[in-house]
């Protein structure tokens, strides 16, 4: 073996050894800041996907977020901007801790993961902070509070129609009654697990406007929105459930409606310094939300099929429906069956069949939140309020 060949061989062994030692761990590339003393955006650049968990939400003058599966480089610390006095990234086993020392009292407003897109070839974990106007609950030199678990995901269930809008009519039932009964059962099933916080857009026979329904979920900081309906068609032989997610045309409409308002970037909690950058972030957020909605749809359909509930032949559909237009909350509309089909109407009004279907839906939601971090990112946080 020549000297050159030996050197090449040793270099290859060294590189391979480092790769094996690092395993599947990724790396924190850098930390960036933007914004002002009212709202500050922290962007953590990553070379792989990660799941975040809030360790300290900011009440004691410090925000700490753990990022799984990524290692910290040495010496990752420095000064911040706006609400952040300084930062440090430290290793913590198979994860890293992003530690932010606050200049004034602040809290996490929202956090989310952006995948590679639009010429950016790495992941970005975004943490938005807002000033609270409150004094920290503990002085800076006080002992740190014990870590708290991240907030449980918030799920909003929307019972379609209601009040003056009865929806579709079958031979014996109206859609508004069927959707409300199903929503109440689904809420019970989800709360039974203890994994989620669950709310309804309506819990009685009242009318709620179409545009108001997703707005309620967004204002509450929902991590998931599911709207329940019963389909109708002139052909009584047509039957089966289907799931709708937002179409590309609908996504464009959502962006147009949001950006029509002069302060649209504030309503989405974007920094507000550069509208062109905020528009890019909005487009990327919308795309990530569509992807997560598709993951949810597939999870639901898999569980519904496994429960032997009939499905349409093309059961995953897309449309620009008003209840799906939220740019930052994964949303689906579940047509539970055709109320105009006698057999589907029987299943939709039968207590046992309804609970069996809602258990399958709950299982689909469980599968969605159990998906790898690259498929979704929970947005709600401890003490964060609206995301």
Protein backbone atom coordinates (compact mmCIF):
# COMPACT_ATOMS: atom_id res chain seq x y z
CA UNK A 1 0.00 0.00 0.00
CA UNK A 2 1.42 3.38 -0.98
CA UNK A 3 1.72 6.21 1.51
CA UNK A 4 -1.04 8.16 -0.27
CA UNK A 5 -3.37 5.18 -0.30
CA UNK A 6 -2.71 4.61 3.41
CA UNK A 7 -3.56 8.24 4.20
CA UNK A 8 -6.80 8.03 2.18
CA UNK A 9 -7.73 4.78 3.94
CA UNK A 10 -7.11 6.26 7.40
CA UNK A 11 -9.16 9.35 6.54
CA UNK A 12 -12.07 7.19 5.38
CA UNK A 13 -11.95 5.14 8.59
CA UNK A 14 -11.89 8.31 10.69
CA UNK A 15 -14.88 9.83 8.88
CA UNK A 16 -16.84 6.57 9.11
CA UNK A 17 -16.04 6.32 12.81
CA UNK A 18 -17.35 9.79 13.44
CA UNK A 19 -20.51 9.00 11.51
CA UNK A 20 -21.11 5.87 13.56
CA UNK A 21 -20.44 7.73 16.78
CA UNK A 22 -22.92 10.43 15.96
CA UNK A 23 -25.63 7.95 14.91
CA UNK A 24 -28.78 9.67 13.71
CA UNK A 25 -28.12 12.84 15.72
CA UNK A 26 -28.45 16.12 13.90
CA UNK A 27 -26.91 19.45 14.81
CA UNK A 28 -27.91 22.96 15.74
CA UNK A 29 -26.41 25.15 13.01
CA UNK A 30 -27.02 28.63 14.41
CA UNK A 31 -29.48 30.84 16.31
CA UNK A 32 -30.89 34.01 14.75
CA UNK A 33 -33.09 36.83 16.06
CA UNK A 34 -35.47 39.45 14.71
CA UNK A 35 -38.12 41.82 16.04
CA UNK A 36 -38.21 44.43 18.77
CA UNK A 37 -38.99 45.01 22.45
CA UNK A 38 -42.66 44.06 21.94
CA UNK A 39 -42.26 40.87 19.90
CA UNK A 40 -39.10 38.94 19.10
CA UNK A 41 -38.64 35.95 16.80
CA UNK A 42 -35.95 33.37 17.57
CA UNK A 43 -34.98 31.05 14.69
CA UNK A 44 -32.92 27.96 15.47
CA UNK A 45 -31.40 26.54 12.27
CA UNK A 46 -31.15 22.71 12.32
CA UNK A 47 -29.71 20.20 9.88
CA UNK A 48 -32.48 17.69 10.63
CA UNK A 49 -36.02 17.65 11.95
CA UNK A 50 -36.67 17.90 15.70
CA UNK A 51 -39.47 17.97 18.22
CA UNK A 52 -39.51 20.79 20.75
CA UNK A 53 -40.61 20.77 24.38
CA UNK A 54 -40.93 23.81 26.62
CA UNK A 55 -38.95 23.40 29.85
CA UNK A 56 -39.28 26.95 31.19
CA UNK A 57 -41.90 29.27 29.62
CA UNK A 58 -40.41 32.59 30.73
CA UNK A 59 -42.16 33.33 34.02
CA UNK A 60 -38.84 33.54 35.88
CA UNK A 61 -37.05 35.62 33.25
CA UNK A 62 -35.81 32.66 31.26
CA UNK A 63 -37.15 30.59 28.36
CA UNK A 64 -35.77 27.09 27.87
CA UNK A 65 -36.82 24.80 25.01
CA UNK A 66 -35.45 21.26 24.54
CA UNK A 67 -34.95 20.07 20.95
CA UNK A 68 -34.78 16.31 20.51
CA UNK A 69 -32.31 14.52 18.24
CA UNK A 70 -29.94 17.45 17.67
CA UNK A 71 -26.57 18.13 19.26
CA UNK A 72 -25.19 21.53 20.23
CA UNK A 73 -21.93 22.82 18.87
CA UNK A 74 -19.37 24.10 21.37
CA UNK A 75 -19.51 27.75 22.30
CA UNK A 76 -23.01 28.43 20.99
CA UNK A 77 -23.85 31.52 23.01
CA UNK A 78 -24.07 35.26 22.55
CA UNK A 79 -26.19 38.36 22.73
CA UNK A 80 -29.83 38.44 21.71
CA UNK A 81 -32.15 41.06 20.20
CA UNK A 82 -35.29 42.74 21.49
CA UNK A 83 -36.78 40.70 24.31
CA UNK A 84 -33.75 38.38 24.52
CA UNK A 85 -30.72 39.61 26.47
CA UNK A 86 -28.57 36.61 25.64
CA UNK A 87 -28.72 32.96 24.61
CA UNK A 88 -26.91 29.67 25.06
CA UNK A 89 -27.33 26.26 23.40
CA UNK A 90 -26.24 23.34 25.57
CA UNK A 91 -26.22 19.60 25.06
CA UNK A 92 -28.61 17.49 27.14
CA UNK A 93 -28.20 13.80 26.33
CA UNK A 94 -29.91 13.05 23.02
CA UNK A 95 -31.20 16.61 22.75
CA UNK A 96 -30.15 20.23 23.04
CA UNK A 97 -31.47 22.99 25.29
CA UNK A 98 -31.98 26.45 23.84
CA UNK A 99 -31.72 28.80 26.82
CA UNK A 100 -32.88 32.40 26.40
CA UNK A 101 -32.23 35.03 29.09
CA UNK A 102 -34.96 37.65 28.81
CA UNK A 103 -34.30 41.39 28.88
CA UNK A 104 -37.82 42.04 30.19
CA UNK A 105 -40.79 39.91 31.19
CA UNK A 106 -41.98 37.88 28.19
CA UNK A 107 -43.63 34.59 27.26
CA UNK A 108 -43.80 32.22 24.32
CA UNK A 109 -46.54 33.26 21.94
CA UNK A 110 -46.13 30.40 19.48
CA UNK A 111 -43.54 27.94 18.23
CA UNK A 112 -43.39 25.78 15.12
CA UNK A 113 -41.09 23.83 12.81
CA UNK A 114 -40.45 24.91 9.21
CA UNK A 115 -39.15 22.23 6.82
CA UNK A 116 -36.63 22.91 4.04
CA UNK A 117 -38.32 24.94 1.27
CA UNK A 118 -37.97 27.88 -1.12
CA UNK A 119 -34.18 27.60 -1.46
CA UNK A 120 -33.54 26.96 2.25
CA UNK A 121 -32.04 23.49 2.62
CA UNK A 122 -32.34 23.08 6.40
CA UNK A 123 -35.01 22.98 9.10
CA UNK A 124 -35.89 26.00 11.22
CA UNK A 125 -37.42 25.84 14.69
CA UNK A 126 -39.15 29.16 15.33
CA UNK A 127 -39.95 30.58 18.78
CA UNK A 128 -42.03 33.77 18.92
CA UNK A 129 -41.86 35.78 22.14
CA UNK A 130 -44.09 38.62 23.27
CA UNK A 131 -43.71 41.09 26.13
CA UNK A 132 -46.17 40.52 28.97
CA UNK A 133 -45.82 43.69 31.00
CA UNK A 134 -45.59 41.52 34.12
CA UNK A 135 -42.71 41.29 36.52
CA UNK A 136 -41.00 37.89 36.66
CA UNK A 137 -42.39 35.66 39.40
CA UNK A 138 -38.90 34.96 40.72
CA UNK A 139 -35.77 37.15 40.89
CA UNK A 140 -32.94 36.48 38.45
CA UNK A 141 -30.69 34.95 41.10
CA UNK A 142 -33.39 32.70 42.56
CA UNK A 143 -33.14 28.91 42.12
CA UNK A 144 -34.59 27.72 38.83
CA UNK A 145 -38.07 26.24 38.88
CA UNK A 146 -38.39 22.53 38.26
CA UNK A 147 -39.09 21.67 34.60
CA UNK A 148 -42.74 21.32 33.67
CA UNK A 149 -44.16 19.03 31.00
CA UNK A 150 -45.29 20.59 27.73
CA UNK A 151 -48.95 21.53 27.37
CA UNK A 152 -51.26 18.83 26.09
CA UNK A 153 -52.38 19.40 22.49
CA UNK A 154 -55.60 21.39 22.10
CA UNK A 155 -58.17 19.84 19.76
CA UNK A 156 -61.20 21.73 18.46
CA UNK A 157 -64.19 19.69 17.31
CA UNK A 158 -66.64 21.47 15.03
CA UNK A 159 -70.17 20.04 14.82
CA UNK A 160 -71.33 21.17 11.39
CA UNK A 161 -74.44 23.33 10.91
CA UNK A 162 -76.81 24.03 13.83
CA UNK A 163 -79.51 26.52 14.84
CA UNK A 164 -81.18 28.06 11.81
CA UNK A 165 -78.99 25.89 9.56
CA UNK A 166 -80.13 22.24 9.92
CA UNK A 167 -77.88 21.02 7.10
CA UNK A 168 -78.78 18.02 4.96
CA UNK A 169 -81.89 15.96 5.71
CA UNK A 170 -82.30 12.23 5.62
CA UNK A 171 -85.46 10.20 5.95
CA UNK A 172 -85.41 10.39 9.75
CA UNK A 173 -82.63 12.79 10.83
CA UNK A 174 -81.08 16.19 10.19
CA UNK A 175 -77.36 16.70 9.73
CA UNK A 176 -77.03 19.28 12.53
CA UNK A 177 -78.34 16.77 15.10
CA UNK A 178 -76.12 13.97 13.80
CA UNK A 179 -72.94 16.08 13.87
CA UNK A 180 -73.58 17.41 17.38
CA UNK A 181 -74.21 13.92 18.76
CA UNK A 182 -70.98 12.69 17.13
CA UNK A 183 -68.97 15.69 18.39
CA UNK A 184 -70.05 15.07 21.97
CA UNK A 185 -69.04 11.41 21.75
CA UNK A 186 -65.69 12.25 20.14
CA UNK A 187 -64.98 14.74 22.90
CA UNK A 188 -65.63 12.04 25.50
CA UNK A 189 -63.35 9.57 23.73
CA UNK A 190 -60.49 12.04 23.43
CA UNK A 191 -60.79 13.27 27.01
CA UNK A 192 -60.90 9.70 28.28
CA UNK A 193 -57.26 9.21 27.25
CA UNK A 194 -56.09 12.25 29.23
CA UNK A 195 -53.72 13.19 26.38
CA UNK A 196 -55.61 16.20 25.07
CA UNK A 197 -57.50 19.34 25.88
CA UNK A 198 -60.74 19.27 23.89
CA UNK A 199 -63.21 22.03 23.04
CA UNK A 200 -66.26 22.36 20.80
CA UNK A 201 -67.26 25.20 18.48
CA UNK A 202 -70.84 24.49 19.63
CA UNK A 203 -72.27 22.19 22.29
CA UNK A 204 -75.96 22.82 21.62
CA UNK A 205 -78.31 23.53 18.71
CA UNK A 206 -77.02 27.02 17.93
CA UNK A 207 -75.84 28.69 14.74
CA UNK A 208 -72.13 29.51 14.32
CA UNK A 209 -70.96 31.23 11.14
CA UNK A 210 -68.70 29.29 8.79
CA UNK A 211 -65.80 31.75 8.99
CA UNK A 212 -66.17 32.04 12.75
CA UNK A 213 -65.61 28.31 13.35
CA UNK A 214 -61.91 28.10 12.36
CA UNK A 215 -61.35 31.57 13.84
CA UNK A 216 -62.47 30.27 17.26
CA UNK A 217 -59.88 27.51 17.02
CA UNK A 218 -57.10 29.86 15.94
CA UNK A 219 -57.85 32.36 18.69
CA UNK A 220 -57.64 29.57 21.27
CA UNK A 221 -54.32 28.30 19.90
CA UNK A 222 -55.62 24.95 18.65
CA UNK A 223 -53.22 22.26 17.50
CA UNK A 224 -55.88 20.48 15.44
CA UNK A 225 -59.33 21.30 14.02
CA UNK A 226 -61.80 18.65 12.86
CA UNK A 227 -65.21 19.51 11.40
CA UNK A 228 -67.87 16.77 11.41
CA UNK A 229 -70.52 16.56 8.68
CA UNK A 230 -72.93 14.16 6.98
CA UNK A 231 -73.00 14.28 3.17
CA UNK A 232 -76.02 14.32 0.86
CA UNK A 233 -76.61 13.51 -2.81
CA UNK A 234 -79.55 12.87 -5.13
CA UNK A 235 -78.57 9.21 -5.65
CA UNK A 236 -79.63 7.35 -2.48
CA UNK A 237 -77.34 4.43 -3.36
CA UNK A 238 -74.18 6.50 -2.76
CA UNK A 239 -72.66 5.90 0.66
CA UNK A 240 -69.40 6.01 2.60
CA UNK A 241 -67.24 8.39 4.61
CA UNK A 242 -64.61 10.76 3.22
CA UNK A 243 -62.12 13.32 4.54
CA UNK A 244 -61.48 16.74 3.00
CA UNK A 245 -58.30 18.78 3.32
CA UNK A 246 -57.55 22.22 1.89
CA UNK A 247 -56.95 22.40 -1.86
CA UNK A 248 -54.21 24.48 -3.50
CA UNK A 249 -56.88 26.94 -4.70
CA UNK A 250 -58.24 27.13 -1.17
CA UNK A 251 -54.75 27.74 0.22
CA UNK A 252 -54.31 30.65 -2.17
CA UNK A 253 -57.67 32.05 -1.12
CA UNK A 254 -56.70 31.78 2.56
CA UNK A 255 -53.48 33.73 1.98
CA UNK A 256 -55.31 36.41 -0.04
CA UNK A 257 -57.97 36.86 2.63
CA UNK A 258 -55.42 37.13 5.41
CA UNK A 259 -53.08 39.55 3.63
CA UNK A 260 -55.98 41.81 2.60
CA UNK A 261 -55.87 43.28 6.11
CA UNK A 262 -53.20 45.94 6.63
CA UNK A 263 -51.99 44.36 9.87
CA UNK A 264 -52.22 40.74 8.73
CA UNK A 265 -48.65 39.95 9.89
CA UNK A 266 -49.59 41.01 13.43
CA UNK A 267 -52.61 38.71 13.44
CA UNK A 268 -50.27 35.82 12.69
CA UNK A 269 -47.76 37.01 15.32
CA UNK A 270 -45.01 37.62 12.77
CA UNK A 271 -42.27 40.12 13.64
CA UNK A 272 -43.74 42.89 11.48
CA UNK A 273 -40.44 44.49 10.45
CA UNK A 274 -40.38 43.27 6.83
CA UNK A 275 -43.69 42.46 5.11
CA UNK A 276 -41.98 40.59 2.24
CA UNK A 277 -40.21 38.24 4.67
CA UNK A 278 -43.44 37.78 6.62
CA UNK A 279 -45.23 36.84 3.39
CA UNK A 280 -42.64 34.16 2.69
CA UNK A 281 -43.05 32.84 6.23
CA UNK A 282 -46.84 32.85 5.80
CA UNK A 283 -46.58 30.82 2.57
CA UNK A 284 -44.26 28.34 4.24
CA UNK A 285 -46.51 28.06 7.28
CA UNK A 286 -49.52 27.45 5.02
CA UNK A 287 -47.65 24.73 3.13
CA UNK A 288 -46.52 23.03 6.34
CA UNK A 289 -50.10 23.15 7.65
CA UNK A 290 -51.42 21.54 4.46
CA UNK A 291 -48.85 18.76 4.82
CA UNK A 292 -49.82 18.11 8.43
CA UNK A 293 -53.52 18.13 7.49
CA UNK A 294 -52.80 15.46 4.88
CA UNK A 295 -51.04 13.34 7.53
CA UNK A 296 -54.10 13.68 9.75
CA UNK A 297 -56.46 12.73 6.90
CA UNK A 298 -54.49 9.56 6.16
CA UNK A 299 -54.44 8.61 9.83
CA UNK A 300 -58.21 9.07 10.14
CA UNK A 301 -59.03 7.11 6.99
CA UNK A 302 -56.78 4.23 8.03
CA UNK A 303 -58.48 3.88 11.41
CA UNK A 304 -62.01 4.35 10.00
CA UNK A 305 -61.37 1.65 7.41
CA UNK A 306 -59.97 -0.61 10.14
CA UNK A 307 -63.23 -0.19 12.07
CA UNK A 308 -65.15 -1.52 9.04
CA UNK A 309 -66.97 1.77 8.51
CA UNK A 310 -67.80 2.20 4.81
CA UNK A 311 -65.63 4.64 2.82
CA UNK A 312 -66.09 6.28 -0.54
CA UNK A 313 -63.85 4.87 -3.26
CA UNK A 314 -61.95 8.18 -3.40
CA UNK A 315 -62.10 8.93 0.29
CA UNK A 316 -59.37 11.62 0.59
CA UNK A 317 -60.55 14.76 -1.18
CA UNK A 318 -59.57 18.41 -1.29
CA UNK A 319 -61.62 21.59 -1.48
CA UNK A 320 -61.54 25.26 -0.58
CA UNK A 321 -64.10 24.92 2.20
CA UNK A 322 -64.37 27.84 4.63
CA UNK A 323 -63.72 25.74 7.74
CA UNK A 324 -60.37 24.57 6.29
CA UNK A 325 -58.92 28.02 5.57
CA UNK A 326 -56.81 28.52 8.70
CA UNK A 327 -53.17 28.98 7.59
CA UNK A 328 -51.58 27.70 10.79
CA UNK A 329 -53.92 25.07 12.30
CA UNK A 330 -54.03 21.59 10.69
CA UNK A 331 -57.67 21.02 9.73
CA UNK A 332 -59.85 18.34 8.16
CA UNK A 333 -63.53 17.99 7.39
CA UNK A 334 -64.91 14.50 7.98
CA UNK A 335 -68.01 13.52 6.04
CA UNK A 336 -69.12 10.61 8.23
CA UNK A 337 -71.39 9.15 5.56
CA UNK A 338 -74.37 10.03 3.38
CA UNK A 339 -77.46 10.90 5.35
CA UNK A 340 -79.41 10.39 2.11
CA UNK A 341 -78.41 6.71 2.08
CA UNK A 342 -80.66 4.55 4.31
CA UNK A 343 -77.84 2.35 5.64
CA UNK A 344 -75.49 5.27 6.30
CA UNK A 345 -78.30 7.16 8.03
CA UNK A 346 -78.88 4.15 10.26
CA UNK A 347 -75.18 4.04 11.21
CA UNK A 348 -75.08 7.80 11.86
CA UNK A 349 -78.08 7.68 14.19
CA UNK A 350 -77.30 4.39 15.97
CA UNK A 351 -75.66 4.98 19.36
CA UNK A 352 -73.28 2.00 19.16
CA UNK A 353 -72.28 2.61 15.55
CA UNK A 354 -71.67 6.29 16.31
CA UNK A 355 -69.38 5.49 19.23
CA UNK A 356 -67.51 2.89 17.18
CA UNK A 357 -66.88 5.47 14.46
CA UNK A 358 -65.79 8.14 16.93
CA UNK A 359 -63.40 5.70 18.61
CA UNK A 360 -61.82 5.14 15.20
CA UNK A 361 -61.54 8.91 14.72
CA UNK A 362 -59.93 9.25 18.16
CA UNK A 363 -57.47 6.48 17.24
CA UNK A 364 -56.64 8.35 14.04
CA UNK A 365 -55.90 11.49 16.06
CA UNK A 366 -53.70 9.44 18.40
CA UNK A 367 -51.78 8.12 15.37
CA UNK A 368 -51.38 11.66 14.03
CA UNK A 369 -49.80 12.96 17.23
CA UNK A 370 -47.64 9.85 17.48
CA UNK A 371 -46.20 10.48 13.99
CA UNK A 372 -42.47 11.29 13.65
CA UNK A 373 -41.47 14.87 14.38
CA UNK A 374 -40.86 15.51 10.68
CA UNK A 375 -44.54 15.02 9.95
CA UNK A 376 -45.95 17.49 12.46
CA UNK A 377 -45.12 19.95 15.20
CA UNK A 378 -47.35 20.80 18.14
CA UNK A 379 -47.74 24.54 18.35
CA UNK A 380 -49.24 25.12 21.81
CA UNK A 381 -47.00 25.70 24.83
CA UNK A 382 -46.97 25.91 28.60
CA UNK A 383 -48.22 29.32 29.56
CA UNK A 384 -47.94 30.49 25.99
CA UNK A 385 -51.52 31.55 25.38
CA UNK A 386 -52.47 31.87 21.74
CA UNK A 387 -49.82 30.49 19.31
